[in-house]
Amino acid sequence: MKPFKPATVRPGMVEASIIHIDRFGNCVTNLSLEHLDSELKDATIVVNDREITSRRRFFAELEDTADDVFCVHGSAGFWELVVKNGSAAEVLKVTRGQRVTLLTKHN
């Protein structure tokens, strides 16, 4: 797998990676709208056996607990794994280059 290009393993399964972790602990993946539309319906991102299904338009859209990890579409065009007022990198125990798996329902 190339660092900046997710790979389709089979229909409904894409292997991607975390390409950047910012100073707040937000984890930028190499998944874009091409791989995951803005609806995030029937999609799960798996990192270290943790399933993430929640998507938000912005950080403060809903109230969260300290370890609620969700996805936002970042300004660079990639999906980011974030925690409101916390570090997704710490909650998920990840580092840059870590594998991320996108699972979608395949029709």
PDB file of N, CA and C in Angstrom:
ATOM      1  N   MET A   1       0.845  -1.181   0.000  1.00  0.00           N
ATOM      2  CA  MET A   1       0.000   0.000   0.000  1.00  0.00           C
ATOM      3  C   MET A   1       0.889   1.243   0.000  1.00  0.00           C
ATOM      4  N   LYS A   2       0.642   2.150  -0.883  1.00  0.00           N
ATOM      5  CA  LYS A   2       1.362   3.417  -0.920  1.00  0.00           C
ATOM      6  C   LYS A   2       0.883   4.278   0.249  1.00  0.00           C
ATOM      7  N   PRO A   3       1.763   5.058   0.846  1.00  0.00           N
ATOM      8  CA  PRO A   3       1.402   5.820   2.037  1.00  0.00           C
ATOM      9  C   PRO A   3       0.198   6.743   1.872  1.00  0.00           C
ATOM     10  N   PHE A   4       0.033   7.349   0.703  1.00  0.00           N
ATOM     11  CA  PHE A   4      -1.046   8.310   0.537  1.00  0.00           C
ATOM     12  C   PHE A   4      -2.199   7.786  -0.291  1.00  0.00           C
ATOM     13  N   LYS A   5      -2.197   6.497  -0.601  1.00  0.00           N
ATOM     14  CA  LYS A   5      -3.281   5.951  -1.409  1.00  0.00           C
ATOM     15  C   LYS A   5      -3.858   4.713  -0.738  1.00  0.00           C
ATOM     16  N   PRO A   6      -5.108   4.805  -0.262  1.00  0.00           N
ATOM     17  CA  PRO A   6      -5.752   3.633   0.321  1.00  0.00           C
ATOM     18  C   PRO A   6      -5.893   2.526  -0.720  1.00  0.00           C
ATOM     19  N   ALA A   7      -5.946   1.286  -0.245  1.00  0.00           N
ATOM     20  CA  ALA A   7      -6.041   0.132  -1.134  1.00  0.00           C
ATOM     21  C   ALA A   7      -7.335  -0.623  -0.871  1.00  0.00           C
ATOM     22  N   THR A   8      -8.069  -0.918  -1.940  1.00  0.00           N
ATOM     23  CA  THR A   8      -9.267  -1.736  -1.816  1.00  0.00           C
ATOM     24  C   THR A   8      -8.825  -3.192  -1.712  1.00  0.00           C
ATOM     25  N   VAL A   9      -9.136  -3.819  -0.577  1.00  0.00           N
ATOM     26  CA  VAL A   9      -8.764  -5.201  -0.321  1.00  0.00           C
ATOM     27  C   VAL A   9      -9.772  -6.134  -0.974  1.00  0.00           C
ATOM     28  N   ARG A  10     -11.025  -5.774  -0.834  1.00  0.00           N
ATOM     29  CA  ARG A  10     -12.145  -6.489  -1.448  1.00  0.00           C
ATOM     30  C   ARG A  10     -13.322  -5.532  -1.444  1.00  0.00           C
ATOM     31  N   PRO A  11     -14.384  -5.838  -2.176  1.00  0.00           N
ATOM     32  CA  PRO A  11     -15.543  -4.946  -2.139  1.00  0.00           C
ATOM     33  C   PRO A  11     -16.020  -4.733  -0.697  1.00  0.00           C
ATOM     34  N   GLY A  12     -16.138  -3.473  -0.306  1.00  0.00           N
ATOM     35  CA  GLY A  12     -16.585  -3.147   1.034  1.00  0.00           C
ATOM     36  C   GLY A  12     -15.485  -3.049   2.080  1.00  0.00           C
ATOM     37  N   MET A  13     -14.223  -3.225   1.658  1.00  0.00           N
ATOM     38  CA  MET A  13     -13.114  -3.138   2.616  1.00  0.00           C
ATOM     39  C   MET A  13     -11.938  -2.394   1.993  1.00  0.00           C
ATOM     40  N   VAL A  14     -11.554  -1.289   2.635  1.00  0.00           N
ATOM     41  CA  VAL A  14     -10.441  -0.471   2.167  1.00  0.00           C
ATOM     42  C   VAL A  14      -9.442  -0.331   3.307  1.00  0.00           C
ATOM     43  N   GLU A  15      -8.173  -0.593   3.007  1.00  0.00           N
ATOM     44  CA  GLU A  15      -7.120  -0.382   3.990  1.00  0.00           C
ATOM     45  C   GLU A  15      -6.486   0.969   3.728  1.00  0.00           C
ATOM     46  N   ALA A  16      -6.403   1.764   4.778  1.00  0.00           N
ATOM     47  CA  ALA A  16      -5.853   3.109   4.691  1.00  0.00           C
ATOM     48  C   ALA A  16      -4.871   3.279   5.845  1.00  0.00           C
ATOM     49  N   SER A  17      -4.445   4.514   6.071  1.00  0.00           N
ATOM     50  CA  SER A  17      -3.528   4.751   7.179  1.00  0.00           C
ATOM     51  C   SER A  17      -3.698   6.157   7.736  1.00  0.00           C
ATOM     52  N   ILE A  18      -3.129   6.350   8.906  1.00  0.00           N
ATOM     53  CA  ILE A  18      -3.081   7.675   9.512  1.00  0.00           C
ATOM     54  C   ILE A  18      -1.833   8.352   8.963  1.00  0.00           C
ATOM     55  N   ILE A  19      -2.036   9.464   8.277  1.00  0.00           N
ATOM     56  CA  ILE A  19      -0.911  10.128   7.616  1.00  0.00           C
ATOM     57  C   ILE A  19      -0.354  11.305   8.419  1.00  0.00           C
ATOM     58  N   HIS A  20      -1.112  11.749   9.426  1.00  0.00           N
ATOM     59  CA  HIS A  20      -0.651  12.882  10.228  1.00  0.00           C
ATOM     60  C   HIS A  20      -1.417  12.896  11.542  1.00  0.00           C
ATOM     61  N   ILE A  21      -0.737  13.261  12.602  1.00  0.00           N
ATOM     62  CA  ILE A  21      -1.380  13.516  13.890  1.00  0.00           C
ATOM     63  C   ILE A  21      -0.997  14.932  14.283  1.00  0.00           C
ATOM     64  N   ASP A  22      -2.005  15.793  14.427  1.00  0.00           N
ATOM     65  CA  ASP A  22      -1.690  17.189  14.740  1.00  0.00           C
ATOM     66  C   ASP A  22      -1.423  17.367  16.231  1.00  0.00           C
ATOM     67  N   ARG A  23      -1.105  18.572  16.630  1.00  0.00           N
ATOM     68  CA  ARG A  23      -0.712  18.835  18.023  1.00  0.00           C
ATOM     69  C   ARG A  23      -1.845  18.648  19.017  1.00  0.00           C
ATOM     70  N   PHE A  24      -3.086  18.549  18.512  1.00  0.00           N
ATOM     71  CA  PHE A  24      -4.238  18.311  19.381  1.00  0.00           C
ATOM     72  C   PHE A  24      -4.555  16.822  19.513  1.00  0.00           C
ATOM     73  N   GLY A  25      -3.873  15.991  18.719  1.00  0.00           N
ATOM     74  CA  GLY A  25      -4.137  14.558  18.740  1.00  0.00           C
ATOM     75  C   GLY A  25      -5.173  14.114  17.736  1.00  0.00           C
ATOM     76  N   ASN A  26      -5.560  15.014  16.821  1.00  0.00           N
ATOM     77  CA  ASN A  26      -6.479  14.638  15.742  1.00  0.00           C
ATOM     78  C   ASN A  26      -5.710  13.797  14.738  1.00  0.00           C
ATOM     79  N   CYS A  27      -6.307  12.711  14.290  1.00  0.00           N
ATOM     80  CA  CYS A  27      -5.637  11.755  13.401  1.00  0.00           C
ATOM     81  C   CYS A  27      -6.163  11.906  11.980  1.00  0.00           C
ATOM     82  N   VAL A  28      -5.335  12.417  11.094  1.00  0.00           N
ATOM     83  CA  VAL A  28      -5.709  12.606   9.695  1.00  0.00           C
ATOM     84  C   VAL A  28      -5.448  11.301   8.954  1.00  0.00           C
ATOM     85  N   THR A  29      -6.488  10.776   8.309  1.00  0.00           N
ATOM     86  CA  THR A  29      -6.329   9.556   7.525  1.00  0.00           C
ATOM     87  C   THR A  29      -6.117   9.926   6.061  1.00  0.00           C
ATOM     88  N   ASN A  30      -5.814   8.941   5.246  1.00  0.00           N
ATOM     89  CA  ASN A  30      -5.728   9.195   3.806  1.00  0.00           C
ATOM     90  C   ASN A  30      -7.020   8.811   3.098  1.00  0.00           C
ATOM     91  N   LEU A  31      -8.115   8.743   3.852  1.00  0.00           N
ATOM     92  CA  LEU A  31      -9.444   8.505   3.272  1.00  0.00           C
ATOM     93  C   LEU A  31     -10.057   9.841   2.874  1.00  0.00           C
ATOM     94  N   SER A  32     -10.582   9.897   1.667  1.00  0.00           N
ATOM     95  CA  SER A  32     -11.204  11.126   1.175  1.00  0.00           C
ATOM     96  C   SER A  32     -12.672  10.857   0.852  1.00  0.00           C
ATOM     97  N   LEU A  33     -13.336  11.850   0.300  1.00  0.00           N
ATOM     98  CA  LEU A  33     -14.733  11.669  -0.092  1.00  0.00           C
ATOM     99  C   LEU A  33     -14.885  10.596  -1.158  1.00  0.00           C
ATOM    100  N   GLU A  34     -13.820  10.337  -1.895  1.00  0.00           N
ATOM    101  CA  GLU A  34     -13.828   9.268  -2.899  1.00  0.00           C
ATOM    102  C   GLU A  34     -14.097   7.911  -2.235  1.00  0.00           C
ATOM    103  N   HIS A  35     -13.580   7.729  -1.039  1.00  0.00           N
ATOM    104  CA  HIS A  35     -13.706   6.463  -0.326  1.00  0.00           C
ATOM    105  C   HIS A  35     -14.904   6.434   0.606  1.00  0.00           C
ATOM    106  N   LEU A  36     -15.265   7.576   1.107  1.00  0.00           N
ATOM    107  CA  LEU A  36     -16.287   7.657   2.143  1.00  0.00           C
ATOM    108  C   LEU A  36     -17.052   8.943   1.952  1.00  0.00           C
ATOM    109  N   ASP A  37     -18.297   8.835   1.510  1.00  0.00           N
ATOM    110  CA  ASP A  37     -19.053  10.056   1.242  1.00  0.00           C
ATOM    111  C   ASP A  37     -19.420  10.760   2.541  1.00  0.00           C
ATOM    112  N   SER A  38     -19.985  11.930   2.417  1.00  0.00           N
ATOM    113  CA  SER A  38     -20.271  12.749   3.590  1.00  0.00           C
ATOM    114  C   SER A  38     -21.351  12.156   4.482  1.00  0.00           C
ATOM    115  N   GLU A  39     -22.097  11.212   3.987  1.00  0.00           N
ATOM    116  CA  GLU A  39     -23.159  10.610   4.791  1.00  0.00           C
ATOM    117  C   GLU A  39     -22.625   9.606   5.807  1.00  0.00           C
ATOM    118  N   LEU A  40     -21.568   8.899   5.488  1.00  0.00           N
ATOM    119  CA  LEU A  40     -20.986   7.873   6.347  1.00  0.00           C
ATOM    120  C   LEU A  40     -22.011   6.811   6.744  1.00  0.00           C
ATOM    121  N   LYS A  41     -23.031   6.641   5.925  1.00  0.00           N
ATOM    122  CA  LYS A  41     -24.049   5.637   6.220  1.00  0.00           C
ATOM    123  C   LYS A  41     -23.488   4.247   6.010  1.00  0.00           C
ATOM    124  N   ASP A  42     -23.818   3.366   6.934  1.00  0.00           N
ATOM    125  CA  ASP A  42     -23.399   1.967   6.839  1.00  0.00           C
ATOM    126  C   ASP A  42     -21.890   1.808   6.688  1.00  0.00           C
ATOM    127  N   ALA A  43     -21.131   2.696   7.303  1.00  0.00           N
ATOM    128  CA  ALA A  43     -19.676   2.615   7.221  1.00  0.00           C
ATOM    129  C   ALA A  43     -19.084   2.583   8.622  1.00  0.00           C
ATOM    130  N   THR A  44     -18.000   1.846   8.745  1.00  0.00           N
ATOM    131  CA  THR A  44     -17.281   1.739  10.010  1.00  0.00           C
ATOM    132  C   THR A  44     -15.797   1.889   9.731  1.00  0.00           C
ATOM    133  N   ILE A  45     -15.141   2.695  10.527  1.00  0.00           N
ATOM    134  CA  ILE A  45     -13.692   2.790  10.470  1.00  0.00           C
ATOM    135  C   ILE A  45     -13.169   2.028  11.683  1.00  0.00           C
ATOM    136  N   VAL A  46     -12.236   1.110  11.442  1.00  0.00           N
ATOM    137  CA  VAL A  46     -11.695   0.289  12.517  1.00  0.00           C
ATOM    138  C   VAL A  46     -10.220   0.640  12.720  1.00  0.00           C
ATOM    139  N   VAL A  47      -9.893   0.969  13.970  1.00  0.00           N
ATOM    140  CA  VAL A  47      -8.518   1.286  14.352  1.00  0.00           C
ATOM    141  C   VAL A  47      -8.239   0.542  15.660  1.00  0.00           C
ATOM    142  N   ASN A  48      -7.235  -0.315  15.657  1.00  0.00           N
ATOM    143  CA  ASN A  48      -6.888  -1.073  16.867  1.00  0.00           C
ATOM    144  C   ASN A  48      -8.113  -1.763  17.478  1.00  0.00           C
ATOM    145  N   ASP A  49      -8.906  -2.389  16.660  1.00  0.00           N
ATOM    146  CA  ASP A  49     -10.108  -3.112  17.075  1.00  0.00           C
ATOM    147  C   ASP A  49     -11.219  -2.213  17.617  1.00  0.00           C
ATOM    148  N   ARG A  50     -11.071  -0.916  17.512  1.00  0.00           N
ATOM    149  CA  ARG A  50     -12.133   0.005  17.933  1.00  0.00           C
ATOM    150  C   ARG A  50     -12.908   0.440  16.702  1.00  0.00           C
ATOM    151  N   GLU A  51     -14.228   0.317  16.754  1.00  0.00           N
ATOM    152  CA  GLU A  51     -15.088   0.674  15.634  1.00  0.00           C
ATOM    153  C   GLU A  51     -15.619   2.090  15.809  1.00  0.00           C
ATOM    154  N   ILE A  52     -15.455   2.887  14.770  1.00  0.00           N
ATOM    155  CA  ILE A  52     -15.911   4.277  14.780  1.00  0.00           C
ATOM    156  C   ILE A  52     -16.957   4.422  13.689  1.00  0.00           C
ATOM    157  N   THR A  53     -18.161   4.806  14.082  1.00  0.00           N
ATOM    158  CA  THR A  53     -19.259   4.932  13.124  1.00  0.00           C
ATOM    159  C   THR A  53     -19.855   6.335  13.093  1.00  0.00           C
ATOM    160  N   SER A  54     -19.462   7.169  14.034  1.00  0.00           N
ATOM    161  CA  SER A  54     -20.058   8.498  14.151  1.00  0.00           C
ATOM    162  C   SER A  54     -19.337   9.509  13.272  1.00  0.00           C
ATOM    163  N   ARG A  55     -20.108  10.331  12.571  1.00  0.00           N
ATOM    164  CA  ARG A  55     -19.569  11.404  11.735  1.00  0.00           C
ATOM    165  C   ARG A  55     -20.215  12.711  12.149  1.00  0.00           C
ATOM    166  N   ARG A  56     -19.429  13.772  12.163  1.00  0.00           N
ATOM    167  CA  ARG A  56     -19.935  15.102  12.498  1.00  0.00           C
ATOM    168  C   ARG A  56     -19.498  16.082  11.424  1.00  0.00           C
ATOM    169  N   ARG A  57     -20.260  17.141  11.290  1.00  0.00           N
ATOM    170  CA  ARG A  57     -19.873  18.201  10.357  1.00  0.00           C
ATOM    171  C   ARG A  57     -18.816  19.106  10.966  1.00  0.00           C
ATOM    172  N   PHE A  58     -18.827  19.220  12.297  1.00  0.00           N
ATOM    173  CA  PHE A  58     -17.839  20.037  12.998  1.00  0.00           C
ATOM    174  C   PHE A  58     -17.678  19.501  14.415  1.00  0.00           C
ATOM    175  N   PHE A  59     -16.657  19.928  15.103  1.00  0.00           N
ATOM    176  CA  PHE A  59     -16.279  19.368  16.400  1.00  0.00           C
ATOM    177  C   PHE A  59     -17.369  19.474  17.461  1.00  0.00           C
ATOM    178  N   ALA A  60     -18.033  20.599  17.556  1.00  0.00           N
ATOM    179  CA  ALA A  60     -18.975  20.834  18.647  1.00  0.00           C
ATOM    180  C   ALA A  60     -20.431  20.561  18.250  1.00  0.00           C
ATOM    181  N   GLU A  61     -20.629  19.746  17.240  1.00  0.00           N
ATOM    182  CA  GLU A  61     -21.992  19.497  16.769  1.00  0.00           C
ATOM    183  C   GLU A  61     -22.865  18.859  17.848  1.00  0.00           C
ATOM    184  N   LEU A  62     -22.338  17.904  18.597  1.00  0.00           N
ATOM    185  CA  LEU A  62     -23.080  17.222  19.648  1.00  0.00           C
ATOM    186  C   LEU A  62     -22.240  17.160  20.914  1.00  0.00           C
ATOM    187  N   GLU A  63     -22.898  16.916  22.027  1.00  0.00           N
ATOM    188  CA  GLU A  63     -22.170  16.717  23.284  1.00  0.00           C
ATOM    189  C   GLU A  63     -21.510  15.343  23.259  1.00  0.00           C
ATOM    190  N   ASP A  64     -20.305  15.258  23.753  1.00  0.00           N
ATOM    191  CA  ASP A  64     -19.545  14.015  23.764  1.00  0.00           C
ATOM    192  C   ASP A  64     -18.979  13.773  25.144  1.00  0.00           C
ATOM    193  N   THR A  65     -18.666  12.501  25.411  1.00  0.00           N
ATOM    194  CA  THR A  65     -17.894  12.188  26.600  1.00  0.00           C
ATOM    195  C   THR A  65     -16.420  12.255  26.216  1.00  0.00           C
ATOM    196  N   ALA A  66     -15.563  12.135  27.191  1.00  0.00           N
ATOM    197  CA  ALA A  66     -14.131  12.354  26.975  1.00  0.00           C
ATOM    198  C   ALA A  66     -13.502  11.429  25.942  1.00  0.00           C
ATOM    199  N   ASP A  67     -14.049  10.237  25.722  1.00  0.00           N
ATOM    200  CA  ASP A  67     -13.407   9.327  24.772  1.00  0.00           C
ATOM    201  C   ASP A  67     -14.275   8.997  23.566  1.00  0.00           C
ATOM    202  N   ASP A  68     -15.254   9.851  23.257  1.00  0.00           N
ATOM    203  CA  ASP A  68     -16.074   9.652  22.064  1.00  0.00           C
ATOM    204  C   ASP A  68     -15.274  10.043  20.830  1.00  0.00           C
ATOM    205  N   VAL A  69     -14.903   9.061  20.041  1.00  0.00           N
ATOM    206  CA  VAL A  69     -14.145   9.306  18.818  1.00  0.00           C
ATOM    207  C   VAL A  69     -15.142   9.395  17.677  1.00  0.00           C
ATOM    208  N   PHE A  70     -14.976  10.392  16.832  1.00  0.00           N
ATOM    209  CA  PHE A  70     -15.841  10.538  15.661  1.00  0.00           C
ATOM    210  C   PHE A  70     -15.026  11.056  14.494  1.00  0.00           C
ATOM    211  N   CYS A  71     -15.642  11.073  13.318  1.00  0.00           N
ATOM    212  CA  CYS A  71     -14.980  11.520  12.089  1.00  0.00           C
ATOM    213  C   CYS A  71     -15.477  12.895  11.687  1.00  0.00           C
ATOM    214  N   VAL A  72     -14.573  13.708  11.207  1.00  0.00           N
ATOM    215  CA  VAL A  72     -14.934  14.965  10.547  1.00  0.00           C
ATOM    216  C   VAL A  72     -14.145  15.028   9.248  1.00  0.00           C
ATOM    217  N   HIS A  73     -14.728  15.695   8.265  1.00  0.00           N
ATOM    218  CA  HIS A  73     -14.039  15.888   6.996  1.00  0.00           C
ATOM    219  C   HIS A  73     -13.189  17.141   7.137  1.00  0.00           C
ATOM    220  N   GLY A  74     -11.886  16.959   7.134  1.00  0.00           N
ATOM    221  CA  GLY A  74     -10.959  18.060   7.389  1.00  0.00           C
ATOM    222  C   GLY A  74     -10.763  18.992   6.210  1.00  0.00           C
ATOM    223  N   SER A  75     -10.142  20.120   6.484  1.00  0.00           N
ATOM    224  CA  SER A  75      -9.938  21.157   5.466  1.00  0.00           C
ATOM    225  C   SER A  75      -8.995  20.715   4.357  1.00  0.00           C
ATOM    226  N   ALA A  76      -8.159  19.714   4.602  1.00  0.00           N
ATOM    227  CA  ALA A  76      -7.242  19.209   3.569  1.00  0.00           C
ATOM    228  C   ALA A  76      -7.923  18.188   2.665  1.00  0.00           C
ATOM    229  N   GLY A  77      -9.198  17.867   2.951  1.00  0.00           N
ATOM    230  CA  GLY A  77      -9.938  16.940   2.101  1.00  0.00           C
ATOM    231  C   GLY A  77      -9.933  15.498   2.576  1.00  0.00           C
ATOM    232  N   PHE A  78      -9.340  15.256   3.744  1.00  0.00           N
ATOM    233  CA  PHE A  78      -9.279  13.899   4.278  1.00  0.00           C
ATOM    234  C   PHE A  78     -10.149  13.761   5.516  1.00  0.00           C
ATOM    235  N   TRP A  79     -10.584  12.530   5.782  1.00  0.00           N
ATOM    236  CA  TRP A  79     -11.335  12.247   7.000  1.00  0.00           C
ATOM    237  C   TRP A  79     -10.374  12.204   8.165  1.00  0.00           C
ATOM    238  N   GLU A  80     -10.778  12.832   9.275  1.00  0.00           N
ATOM    239  CA  GLU A  80      -9.984  12.870  10.481  1.00  0.00           C
ATOM    240  C   GLU A  80     -10.731  12.178  11.609  1.00  0.00           C
ATOM    241  N   LEU A  81     -10.001  11.491  12.460  1.00  0.00           N
ATOM    242  CA  LEU A  81     -10.552  10.878  13.660  1.00  0.00           C
ATOM    243  C   LEU A  81     -10.240  11.824  14.802  1.00  0.00           C
ATOM    244  N   VAL A  82     -11.269  12.258  15.508  1.00  0.00           N
ATOM    245  CA  VAL A  82     -11.094  13.293  16.526  1.00  0.00           C
ATOM    246  C   VAL A  82     -11.880  12.967  17.789  1.00  0.00           C
ATOM    247  N   VAL A  83     -11.508  13.643  18.860  1.00  0.00           N
ATOM    248  CA  VAL A  83     -12.220  13.611  20.128  1.00  0.00           C
ATOM    249  C   VAL A  83     -12.391  15.061  20.548  1.00  0.00           C
ATOM    250  N   LYS A  84     -13.608  15.451  20.860  1.00  0.00           N
ATOM    251  CA  LYS A  84     -13.840  16.826  21.294  1.00  0.00           C
ATOM    252  C   LYS A  84     -13.119  17.052  22.628  1.00  0.00           C
ATOM    253  N   ASN A  85     -12.320  18.094  22.683  1.00  0.00           N
ATOM    254  CA  ASN A  85     -11.568  18.453  23.890  1.00  0.00           C
ATOM    255  C   ASN A  85     -10.665  17.320  24.381  1.00  0.00           C
ATOM    256  N   GLY A  86     -10.114  16.565  23.444  1.00  0.00           N
ATOM    257  CA  GLY A  86      -9.220  15.478  23.823  1.00  0.00           C
ATOM    258  C   GLY A  86      -8.380  15.043  22.640  1.00  0.00           C
ATOM    259  N   SER A  87      -7.588  14.021  22.860  1.00  0.00           N
ATOM    260  CA  SER A  87      -6.690  13.502  21.841  1.00  0.00           C
ATOM    261  C   SER A  87      -7.171  12.151  21.333  1.00  0.00           C
ATOM    262  N   ALA A  88      -7.558  12.100  20.071  1.00  0.00           N
ATOM    263  CA  ALA A  88      -7.956  10.824  19.464  1.00  0.00           C
ATOM    264  C   ALA A  88      -6.761   9.877  19.413  1.00  0.00           C
ATOM    265  N   ALA A  89      -5.563  10.415  19.204  1.00  0.00           N
ATOM    266  CA  ALA A  89      -4.362   9.575  19.154  1.00  0.00           C
ATOM    267  C   ALA A  89      -4.153   8.852  20.481  1.00  0.00           C
ATOM    268  N   GLU A  90      -4.387   9.542  21.586  1.00  0.00           N
ATOM    269  CA  GLU A  90      -4.234   8.908  22.900  1.00  0.00           C
ATOM    270  C   GLU A  90      -5.351   7.904  23.162  1.00  0.00           C
ATOM    271  N   VAL A  91      -6.585   8.279  22.858  1.00  0.00           N
ATOM    272  CA  VAL A  91      -7.723   7.383  23.090  1.00  0.00           C
ATOM    273  C   VAL A  91      -7.581   6.108  22.265  1.00  0.00           C
ATOM    274  N   LEU A  92      -7.173   6.251  20.991  1.00  0.00           N
ATOM    275  CA  LEU A  92      -7.048   5.099  20.098  1.00  0.00           C
ATOM    276  C   LEU A  92      -5.698   4.395  20.217  1.00  0.00           C
ATOM    277  N   LYS A  93      -4.742   5.027  20.902  1.00  0.00           N
ATOM    278  CA  LYS A  93      -3.385   4.483  21.049  1.00  0.00           C
ATOM    279  C   LYS A  93      -2.747   4.218  19.679  1.00  0.00           C
ATOM    280  N   VAL A  94      -2.701   5.289  18.863  1.00  0.00           N
ATOM    281  CA  VAL A  94      -2.173   5.171  17.504  1.00  0.00           C
ATOM    282  C   VAL A  94      -0.983   6.093  17.294  1.00  0.00           C
ATOM    283  N   THR A  95      -0.251   5.799  16.223  1.00  0.00           N
ATOM    284  CA  THR A  95       0.852   6.629  15.780  1.00  0.00           C
ATOM    285  C   THR A  95       0.704   6.853  14.274  1.00  0.00           C
ATOM    286  N   ARG A  96       1.468   7.779  13.767  1.00  0.00           N
ATOM    287  CA  ARG A  96       1.461   8.048  12.331  1.00  0.00           C
ATOM    288  C   ARG A  96       1.880   6.785  11.588  1.00  0.00           C
ATOM    289  N   GLY A  97       1.170   6.472  10.506  1.00  0.00           N
ATOM    290  CA  GLY A  97       1.454   5.282   9.722  1.00  0.00           C
ATOM    291  C   GLY A  97       0.591   4.090  10.099  1.00  0.00           C
ATOM    292  N   GLN A  98      -0.147   4.222  11.194  1.00  0.00           N
ATOM    293  CA  GLN A  98      -1.000   3.137  11.679  1.00  0.00           C
ATOM    294  C   GLN A  98      -2.071   2.782  10.652  1.00  0.00           C
ATOM    295  N   ARG A  99      -2.385   1.499  10.560  1.00  0.00           N
ATOM    296  CA  ARG A  99      -3.415   1.031   9.639  1.00  0.00           C
ATOM    297  C   ARG A  99      -4.811   1.411  10.144  1.00  0.00           C
ATOM    298  N   VAL A 100      -5.645   1.788   9.186  1.00  0.00           N
ATOM    299  CA  VAL A 100      -7.043   2.107   9.409  1.00  0.00           C
ATOM    300  C   VAL A 100      -7.818   1.290   8.379  1.00  0.00           C
ATOM    301  N   THR A 101      -8.880   0.634   8.810  1.00  0.00           N
ATOM    302  CA  THR A 101      -9.684  -0.144   7.872  1.00  0.00           C
ATOM    303  C   THR A 101     -11.070   0.475   7.765  1.00  0.00           C
ATOM    304  N   LEU A 102     -11.495   0.703   6.533  1.00  0.00           N
ATOM    305  CA  LEU A 102     -12.840   1.208   6.269  1.00  0.00           C
ATOM    306  C   LEU A 102     -13.694   0.041   5.800  1.00  0.00           C
ATOM    307  N   LEU A 103     -14.790  -0.184   6.498  1.00  0.00           N
ATOM    308  CA  LEU A 103     -15.726  -1.239   6.112  1.00  0.00           C
ATOM    309  C   LEU A 103     -17.041  -0.586   5.719  1.00  0.00           C
ATOM    310  N   THR A 104     -17.524  -0.935   4.556  1.00  0.00           N
ATOM    311  CA  THR A 104     -18.810  -0.439   4.084  1.00  0.00           C
ATOM    312  C   THR A 104     -19.662  -1.601   3.632  1.00  0.00           C
ATOM    313  N   LYS A 105     -20.961  -1.386   3.629  1.00  0.00           N
ATOM    314  CA  LYS A 105     -21.839  -2.433   3.126  1.00  0.00           C
ATOM    315  C   LYS A 105     -21.718  -2.468   1.624  1.00  0.00           C
ATOM    316  N   HIS A 106     -21.477  -3.639   1.094  1.00  0.00           N
ATOM    317  CA  HIS A 106     -21.313  -3.796  -0.343  1.00  0.00           C
ATOM    318  C   HIS A 106     -22.596  -4.382  -0.907  1.00  0.00           C
ATOM    319  N   ASN A 107     -23.177  -3.671  -1.839  1.00  0.00           N
ATOM    320  CA  ASN A 107     -24.432  -4.144  -2.467  1.00  0.00           C
ATOM    321  C   ASN A 107     -24.153  -4.861  -3.758  1.00  0.00           C
TER     322      ASN A 107
END
